[in-house]
Amino acid sequence: MTTVLERTIDPERARGRGALSNVVGRYERQTRVLVDDGWSIAPEQRPSPAPSAHARATDDGWDDGWRDDDLSPPPLRTEVIRDATRTIIARNQSPDISFDRSINPYRGCEHGCIYCFARPTHAYLGMSPGIDFESRLFAKPNAAELLAKELSAPGYVPRTIAMGTNTDPYQPIEKKMRITRSILEVLREFRHPVGIVTKSPLILRDVDILSEMAGMGLAKAALSITTLDRKLARMMEPRAGTPSRRLQAIKGLSDAGIPTAVMFAPAIPALNDGEMEAVLRAATEMGARSAGYVLLRLPLEIKDLFREWLEGNVPDRAKHVMSLVRQMRGGKDYDSQWSTRMRGTGPYAEMLARRFHMAVKRFGLNQPRAPLDVTKFKRPPRPGEQLALL
């Protein structure tokens, strides 16, 4: 018999998150459903809050205001779990992306972007691609140590390492944990090229490392900007940097001599795709010299999470958005074909591609430039290691 658990989460607890529910992953045998057991007490019937001295303290020392005699649920907190990974460089053989290796300092992402194509990876951990993905995070505090070990392997051949291709390396917990910065310090030491994609202005904290690496042809960065509408950004990407701050990050990186791009990703039909040219123009004015775009992708659990989000936030456009998505995906919510998964097919997809290429030409973006330099790679001597004779 299938056990029925909570499928969605109390809206009050989910406030400030991207997903509206916590549906179980595809590997679970149980499903969840939120039910009213009849024991709810209306707000006006709840007892008055106790004095603040009786407030329950949380692990981080912040008083959440929840009291033992208050029957309303406590707010949902972000939980950080230590990841027990033994390797840090992930490999891929995908023919439609420009890198074959990447590093993800974190699993899950607190930015909470509803469209994030990495959400289904939480199912591998026995967790929900919904709110679990953005509130139960896995961190890799030994990432720098693992990276130095892997780069020191005798057979290692250097190629550009990508960061931010799955979850954001500059999500909020990075400010305290500094795992991404420790990785960059190792890459600088080994003279290893890196490309970073982020939504966070926190990347400016590491301008000292990135500018030094960029001066050697070893670093580039891209800011993902999906909209210039702060209200829409808040709904789609509740804990990511505002559009204006991302534009300022482009300027800060560019002024520091770091080759900087803008990613209009994802392009969502009838929701943000009309802003493509405006985003590229604004980024160009801030110093971006290249650009890219990716069509909305809805693999596995994301299609239901995204559809639920549409109905909850933009119900007047929900059916139209999904209709256009299917027009670009061969009548399906998603098509994972290598050659078309990033761009889609059909007249609407072709129109988006034409608009993008015309805008790139108009703003002078994507001019030829030298690739990141792999020839400077070197293995620094490790403690106790004998120096090579010249």
Protein backbone atom coordinates (compact mmCIF):
# COMPACT_ATOMS: atom_id res chain seq x y z
CA MET A 1 0.00 0.00 0.00
CA THR A 2 1.34 3.44 -0.94
CA THR A 3 1.81 5.74 2.01
CA VAL A 4 0.42 9.22 1.44
CA LEU A 5 2.60 11.99 2.85
CA GLU A 6 2.67 15.78 2.49
CA ARG A 7 2.93 16.59 -1.22
CA THR A 8 2.96 20.34 -1.07
CA ILE A 9 4.28 22.62 1.62
CA ASP A 10 2.45 25.23 3.66
CA PRO A 11 2.50 28.49 1.64
CA GLU A 12 3.59 30.46 4.70
CA ARG A 13 6.66 28.25 5.10
CA ALA A 14 7.46 28.42 1.39
CA ARG A 15 7.38 32.21 1.20
CA GLY A 16 10.53 33.52 -0.49
CA ARG A 17 11.17 30.24 -2.30
CA GLY A 18 10.84 29.52 -6.01
CA ALA A 19 8.98 26.22 -6.15
CA LEU A 20 5.45 26.04 -4.78
CA SER A 21 5.62 22.40 -3.70
CA ASN A 22 7.93 19.67 -2.56
CA VAL A 23 6.83 16.82 -4.79
CA VAL A 24 8.88 13.66 -4.36
CA GLY A 25 11.54 12.66 -6.87
CA ARG A 26 11.02 10.12 -9.62
CA TYR A 27 12.78 7.31 -7.75
CA GLU A 28 10.55 7.38 -4.67
CA ARG A 29 7.74 4.90 -4.07
CA GLN A 30 5.79 7.27 -1.87
CA THR A 31 3.85 10.34 -2.90
CA ARG A 32 2.91 13.33 -0.80
CA VAL A 33 -0.24 15.35 -0.48
CA LEU A 34 -1.14 18.27 1.78
CA VAL A 35 -4.46 17.65 3.51
CA ASP A 36 -6.52 19.58 6.01
CA ASP A 37 -7.12 17.26 8.96
CA GLY A 38 -9.71 19.59 10.46
CA TRP A 39 -7.49 20.58 13.36
CA SER A 40 -6.42 23.92 11.88
CA ILE A 41 -7.05 26.95 14.05
CA ALA A 42 -7.95 30.25 12.44
CA PRO A 43 -5.40 33.03 13.01
CA GLU A 44 -7.84 35.06 15.11
CA GLN A 45 -8.31 32.09 17.44
CA ARG A 46 -4.61 31.47 18.02
CA PRO A 47 -3.13 32.43 21.38
CA SER A 48 -1.18 35.66 21.62
CA PRO A 49 2.58 35.33 21.07
CA ALA A 50 4.64 34.80 24.17
CA PRO A 51 7.25 37.40 25.19
CA SER A 52 10.32 37.44 23.00
CA ALA A 53 12.43 36.02 25.82
CA HIS A 54 10.76 32.68 25.20
CA ALA A 55 11.46 32.68 21.46
CA ARG A 56 13.16 29.56 20.25
CA ALA A 57 16.69 30.21 18.96
CA THR A 58 17.86 28.57 15.77
CA ASP A 59 21.28 27.01 15.15
CA ASP A 60 22.60 30.16 13.48
CA GLY A 61 21.62 32.33 16.42
CA TRP A 62 18.89 34.17 14.53
CA ASP A 63 15.57 34.57 16.36
CA ASP A 64 12.88 33.42 13.94
CA GLY A 65 10.09 34.64 16.21
CA TRP A 66 8.46 31.21 16.41
CA ARG A 67 7.15 30.33 19.82
CA ASP A 68 6.15 27.07 21.41
CA ASP A 69 2.59 28.28 21.99
CA ASP A 70 2.20 29.67 18.46
CA LEU A 71 0.40 27.10 16.31
CA SER A 72 1.53 28.61 13.00
CA PRO A 73 4.38 26.69 11.33
CA PRO A 74 7.97 27.89 11.70
CA PRO A 75 9.59 29.43 8.61
CA LEU A 76 11.52 27.12 6.33
CA ARG A 77 15.26 27.37 6.89
CA THR A 78 18.11 26.48 4.56
CA GLU A 79 19.94 23.35 5.66
CA VAL A 80 23.56 22.80 4.60
CA ILE A 81 24.87 19.23 4.52
CA ARG A 82 28.47 18.19 4.02
CA ASP A 83 28.93 16.41 0.70
CA ALA A 84 31.06 13.27 0.99
CA THR A 85 32.30 13.35 -2.61
CA ARG A 86 35.78 11.99 -3.26
CA THR A 87 36.32 13.70 -6.62
CA ILE A 88 35.61 17.26 -7.69
CA ILE A 89 36.02 17.47 -11.48
CA ALA A 90 32.93 16.22 -13.31
CA ARG A 91 33.35 15.02 -16.90
CA ASN A 92 30.90 15.05 -19.79
CA GLN A 93 30.87 14.10 -23.45
CA SER A 94 27.89 16.19 -24.53
CA PRO A 95 28.41 17.28 -28.15
CA ASP A 96 26.42 20.51 -27.82
CA ILE A 97 28.35 22.23 -25.04
CA SER A 98 31.78 23.82 -25.26
CA PHE A 99 33.48 22.18 -22.27
CA ASP A 100 34.20 18.62 -21.21
CA ARG A 101 34.76 19.20 -17.49
CA SER A 102 33.22 21.25 -14.72
CA ILE A 103 33.25 21.84 -10.98
CA ASN A 104 30.19 22.30 -8.77
CA PRO A 105 31.07 23.41 -5.24
CA TYR A 106 27.44 22.86 -4.17
CA ARG A 107 24.51 20.57 -4.92
CA GLY A 108 21.18 22.33 -4.83
CA CYS A 109 20.90 26.10 -5.13
CA GLU A 110 19.34 28.62 -2.78
CA HIS A 111 18.64 31.05 -5.61
CA GLY A 112 15.47 29.01 -6.15
CA CYS A 113 15.11 29.66 -9.90
CA ILE A 114 11.95 27.80 -10.83
CA TYR A 115 13.23 26.86 -14.28
CA CYS A 116 16.62 25.48 -13.12
CA PHE A 117 17.45 22.39 -15.17
CA ALA A 118 19.58 21.05 -12.29
CA ARG A 119 16.55 20.50 -10.04
CA PRO A 120 16.08 16.82 -11.05
CA THR A 121 19.55 15.97 -9.71
CA HIS A 122 18.18 16.18 -6.16
CA ALA A 123 16.12 13.08 -6.91
CA TYR A 124 19.38 11.11 -6.97
CA LEU A 125 19.79 12.08 -3.31
CA GLY A 126 16.31 10.89 -2.34
CA MET A 127 15.09 14.47 -2.07
CA SER A 128 12.57 16.63 -3.87
CA PRO A 129 13.52 18.67 -6.94
CA GLY A 130 11.05 21.20 -5.54
CA ILE A 131 11.71 23.12 -2.35
CA ASP A 132 14.26 20.57 -1.10
CA PHE A 133 16.50 21.56 -4.03
CA GLU A 134 16.64 25.16 -2.83
CA SER A 135 16.57 24.60 0.94
CA ARG A 136 18.56 21.38 1.52
CA LEU A 137 21.98 22.10 0.08
CA PHE A 138 25.13 20.00 -0.10
CA ALA A 139 28.49 21.74 0.22
CA LYS A 140 31.95 20.41 -0.64
CA PRO A 141 34.29 22.13 1.84
CA ASN A 142 37.26 19.95 0.79
CA ALA A 143 36.87 20.90 -2.89
CA ALA A 144 40.18 22.78 -3.10
CA GLU A 145 42.11 19.86 -1.64
CA LEU A 146 40.45 17.41 -4.02
CA LEU A 147 41.11 19.71 -6.97
CA ALA A 148 44.81 20.09 -6.21
CA LYS A 149 45.10 16.32 -5.99
CA GLU A 150 43.35 15.76 -9.33
CA LEU A 151 45.32 18.46 -11.13
CA SER A 152 48.55 16.95 -9.79
CA ALA A 153 47.83 13.53 -11.29
CA PRO A 154 50.59 12.62 -13.81
CA GLY A 155 48.17 11.93 -16.65
CA TYR A 156 46.04 15.06 -16.25
CA VAL A 157 45.61 17.05 -19.49
CA PRO A 158 44.40 20.65 -18.95
CA ARG A 159 41.30 22.04 -20.63
CA THR A 160 39.04 24.87 -19.50
CA ILE A 161 37.08 24.02 -16.36
CA ALA A 162 33.53 25.40 -16.29
CA MET A 163 31.87 26.58 -13.07
CA GLY A 164 28.22 27.50 -12.68
CA THR A 165 26.96 25.17 -15.39
CA ASN A 166 24.79 23.19 -12.96
CA THR A 167 24.30 25.10 -9.71
CA ASP A 168 25.55 28.60 -9.00
CA PRO A 169 29.04 28.76 -7.44
CA TYR A 170 28.14 32.16 -5.94
CA GLN A 171 24.83 31.30 -4.31
CA PRO A 172 24.25 32.91 -0.88
CA ILE A 173 26.07 30.31 1.26
CA GLU A 174 29.29 30.96 -0.68
CA LYS A 175 29.61 34.30 1.11
CA LYS A 176 30.32 32.42 4.34
CA MET A 177 31.76 29.11 3.11
CA ARG A 178 34.12 30.56 0.44
CA ILE A 179 34.48 27.21 -1.33
CA THR A 180 34.42 28.79 -4.79
CA ARG A 181 37.18 31.20 -3.81
CA SER A 182 39.32 28.33 -2.51
CA ILE A 183 38.87 26.56 -5.86
CA LEU A 184 39.95 29.68 -7.74
CA GLU A 185 43.04 29.95 -5.56
CA VAL A 186 44.06 26.43 -6.60
CA LEU A 187 43.35 27.12 -10.29
CA ARG A 188 45.49 30.26 -10.10
CA GLU A 189 48.31 28.32 -8.47
CA PHE A 190 48.21 25.70 -11.25
CA ARG A 191 47.74 28.32 -13.99
CA HIS A 192 44.61 26.47 -15.07
CA PRO A 193 41.92 28.16 -17.24
CA VAL A 194 38.39 28.61 -15.87
CA GLY A 195 35.08 29.97 -17.16
CA ILE A 196 32.35 31.00 -14.70
CA VAL A 197 28.60 31.55 -15.14
CA THR A 198 26.65 33.10 -12.27
CA LYS A 199 23.62 35.19 -11.36
CA SER A 200 25.32 36.70 -8.35
CA PRO A 201 27.17 40.00 -7.87
CA LEU A 202 29.16 38.14 -5.20
CA ILE A 203 31.57 37.23 -8.01
CA LEU A 204 33.02 40.75 -7.61
CA ARG A 205 34.50 39.63 -4.28
CA ASP A 206 36.95 37.50 -6.28
CA VAL A 207 37.97 40.12 -8.82
CA ASP A 208 41.49 40.08 -7.41
CA ILE A 209 42.00 36.44 -8.41
CA LEU A 210 40.01 36.59 -11.64
CA SER A 211 41.71 39.73 -12.93
CA GLU A 212 45.14 38.24 -12.29
CA MET A 213 44.14 35.07 -14.12
CA ALA A 214 42.52 37.02 -16.94
CA GLY A 215 45.81 38.89 -17.43
CA MET A 216 47.37 35.51 -18.22
CA GLY A 217 44.51 34.48 -20.50
CA LEU A 218 43.16 32.05 -17.92
CA ALA A 219 39.72 33.38 -16.90
CA LYS A 220 36.42 34.59 -18.28
CA ALA A 221 33.00 35.13 -16.74
CA ALA A 222 29.36 35.43 -17.72
CA LEU A 223 26.37 36.87 -15.89
CA SER A 224 23.00 35.24 -16.50
CA ILE A 225 20.27 37.88 -16.86
CA THR A 226 16.77 36.66 -17.68
CA THR A 227 14.87 39.92 -17.33
CA LEU A 228 15.26 43.59 -16.47
CA ASP A 229 11.91 43.53 -14.66
CA ARG A 230 12.74 43.31 -10.97
CA LYS A 231 9.27 42.02 -10.07
CA LEU A 232 9.44 39.18 -12.60
CA ALA A 233 12.99 38.35 -11.51
CA ARG A 234 11.83 38.18 -7.91
CA MET A 235 9.14 35.66 -8.86
CA MET A 236 11.36 33.49 -11.07
CA GLU A 237 14.64 33.77 -9.14
CA PRO A 238 13.65 34.76 -5.59
CA ARG A 239 17.09 34.70 -3.95
CA ALA A 240 19.32 35.67 -6.86
CA GLY A 241 20.84 39.12 -7.35
CA THR A 242 18.57 41.77 -8.84
CA PRO A 243 18.94 42.53 -12.56
CA SER A 244 20.53 45.92 -11.85
CA ARG A 245 23.15 44.38 -9.55
CA ARG A 246 24.00 41.76 -12.15
CA LEU A 247 24.53 44.51 -14.70
CA GLN A 248 26.81 46.27 -12.23
CA ALA A 249 28.71 43.01 -11.82
CA ILE A 250 29.27 42.91 -15.58
CA LYS A 251 30.69 46.41 -15.38
CA GLY A 252 32.92 45.55 -12.42
CA LEU A 253 34.32 42.47 -14.12
CA SER A 254 34.83 44.24 -17.44
CA ASP A 255 36.53 47.22 -15.79
CA ALA A 256 38.92 44.75 -14.13
CA GLY A 257 39.96 43.38 -17.51
CA ILE A 258 38.04 40.11 -17.25
CA PRO A 259 36.37 39.01 -20.52
CA THR A 260 32.68 39.16 -19.65
CA ALA A 261 29.58 37.80 -21.35
CA VAL A 262 25.86 37.97 -20.78
CA MET A 263 23.67 34.88 -20.92
CA PHE A 264 20.00 35.39 -21.71
CA ALA A 265 18.99 32.08 -20.22
CA PRO A 266 16.46 30.74 -20.26
CA ALA A 267 14.38 32.40 -22.95
CA ILE A 268 10.78 31.69 -21.94
CA PRO A 269 8.15 32.30 -24.64
CA ALA A 270 5.47 34.88 -23.81
CA LEU A 271 7.12 35.58 -20.46
CA ASN A 272 10.60 37.09 -20.86
CA ASP A 273 11.60 36.44 -24.48
CA GLY A 274 10.42 39.92 -25.50
CA GLU A 275 13.25 41.39 -23.41
CA MET A 276 16.08 39.67 -25.28
CA GLU A 277 17.27 42.77 -27.15
CA ALA A 278 16.89 45.03 -24.10
CA VAL A 279 18.98 42.68 -21.93
CA LEU A 280 21.74 42.41 -24.54
CA ARG A 281 21.79 46.18 -25.02
CA ALA A 282 22.00 46.88 -21.29
CA ALA A 283 24.77 44.32 -20.82
CA THR A 284 26.73 45.72 -23.77
CA GLU A 285 26.56 49.20 -22.25
CA MET A 286 28.05 47.76 -19.06
CA GLY A 287 30.99 46.17 -20.86
CA ALA A 288 29.83 42.71 -21.97
CA ARG A 289 31.64 41.64 -25.13
CA SER A 290 29.87 38.38 -25.90
CA ALA A 291 26.44 36.84 -25.42
CA GLY A 292 24.51 33.60 -25.58
CA TYR A 293 21.00 32.36 -25.02
CA VAL A 294 19.34 29.07 -24.12
CA LEU A 295 15.71 28.12 -24.60
CA LEU A 296 13.71 27.05 -21.56
CA ARG A 297 14.34 23.37 -20.77
CA LEU A 298 11.78 21.31 -18.82
CA PRO A 299 13.21 17.83 -18.26
CA LEU A 300 11.75 15.34 -15.80
CA GLU A 301 10.19 16.91 -12.67
CA ILE A 302 10.74 20.49 -13.83
CA LYS A 303 7.83 20.43 -16.27
CA ASP A 304 5.30 19.95 -13.45
CA LEU A 305 7.05 22.37 -11.08
CA PHE A 306 7.18 25.04 -13.78
CA ARG A 307 3.57 24.53 -14.83
CA GLU A 308 2.50 24.79 -11.18
CA TRP A 309 4.54 27.98 -10.84
CA LEU A 310 2.91 29.49 -13.95
CA GLU A 311 -0.58 28.78 -12.63
CA GLY A 312 0.30 30.28 -9.26
CA ASN A 313 2.12 33.41 -10.48
CA VAL A 314 0.98 34.26 -14.01
CA PRO A 315 -2.28 32.31 -14.48
CA ASP A 316 -3.41 34.53 -17.35
CA ARG A 317 -0.38 33.49 -19.43
CA ALA A 318 0.17 29.93 -18.25
CA LYS A 319 -1.60 28.11 -21.11
CA HIS A 320 -0.08 30.38 -23.76
CA VAL A 321 3.45 29.88 -22.42
CA MET A 322 3.12 26.09 -22.38
CA SER A 323 1.52 26.07 -25.84
CA LEU A 324 4.51 27.92 -27.29
CA VAL A 325 6.93 25.67 -25.42
CA ARG A 326 5.35 22.61 -27.03
CA GLN A 327 5.46 24.26 -30.45
CA MET A 328 9.24 24.48 -30.05
CA ARG A 329 9.59 20.96 -28.64
CA GLY A 330 7.82 18.87 -31.26
CA GLY A 331 4.52 18.89 -29.38
CA LYS A 332 6.10 17.83 -26.06
CA ASP A 333 7.05 19.71 -22.92
CA TYR A 334 10.69 18.85 -23.59
CA ASP A 335 12.87 17.20 -26.22
CA SER A 336 16.35 16.17 -25.09
CA GLN A 337 17.89 15.76 -28.55
CA TRP A 338 21.52 16.96 -28.49
CA SER A 339 21.17 19.14 -31.58
CA THR A 340 18.00 20.98 -30.55
CA ARG A 341 17.64 20.91 -26.75
CA MET A 342 19.26 24.34 -26.32
CA ARG A 343 17.40 26.08 -29.17
CA GLY A 344 14.20 24.18 -30.00
CA THR A 345 12.64 23.73 -33.42
CA GLY A 346 9.84 25.27 -35.45
CA PRO A 347 8.91 28.82 -36.51
CA TYR A 348 8.94 30.39 -33.04
CA ALA A 349 12.36 28.93 -32.22
CA GLU A 350 13.71 30.12 -35.57
CA MET A 351 12.37 33.61 -34.88
CA LEU A 352 14.16 33.70 -31.51
CA ALA A 353 17.40 32.62 -33.16
CA ARG A 354 17.10 35.33 -35.82
CA ARG A 355 16.37 37.99 -33.23
CA PHE A 356 19.39 36.94 -31.18
CA HIS A 357 21.80 36.96 -34.12
CA MET A 358 20.51 40.34 -35.32
CA ALA A 359 20.95 41.82 -31.83
CA VAL A 360 24.46 40.39 -31.50
CA LYS A 361 25.40 41.97 -34.82
CA ARG A 362 23.77 45.30 -33.93
CA PHE A 363 25.59 45.57 -30.59
CA GLY A 364 28.95 44.31 -31.86
CA LEU A 365 29.01 41.25 -29.63
CA ASN A 366 30.72 37.88 -30.14
CA GLN A 367 33.72 39.20 -32.02
CA PRO A 368 36.50 36.62 -32.51
CA ARG A 369 38.79 36.31 -29.51
CA ALA A 370 41.58 34.01 -28.41
CA PRO A 371 40.52 30.96 -26.38
CA LEU A 372 41.67 30.58 -22.81
CA ASP A 373 45.31 29.50 -22.62
CA VAL A 374 46.03 25.91 -21.56
CA THR A 375 49.76 26.14 -22.29
CA LYS A 376 50.57 27.95 -19.03
CA PHE A 377 49.43 25.01 -16.91
CA LYS A 378 52.01 23.87 -14.37
CA ARG A 379 52.04 21.64 -11.34
CA PRO A 380 53.54 23.52 -8.41
CA PRO A 381 55.74 21.47 -6.09
CA ARG A 382 53.77 19.96 -3.26
CA PRO A 383 55.03 19.88 0.36
CA GLY A 384 57.91 17.41 0.68
CA GLU A 385 58.30 17.05 -3.07
CA GLN A 386 61.81 17.34 -4.58
CA LEU A 387 62.27 20.21 -7.04
CA ALA A 388 63.06 19.27 -10.63
CA LEU A 389 66.60 19.96 -11.87
CA LEU A 390 66.92 22.53 -14.69
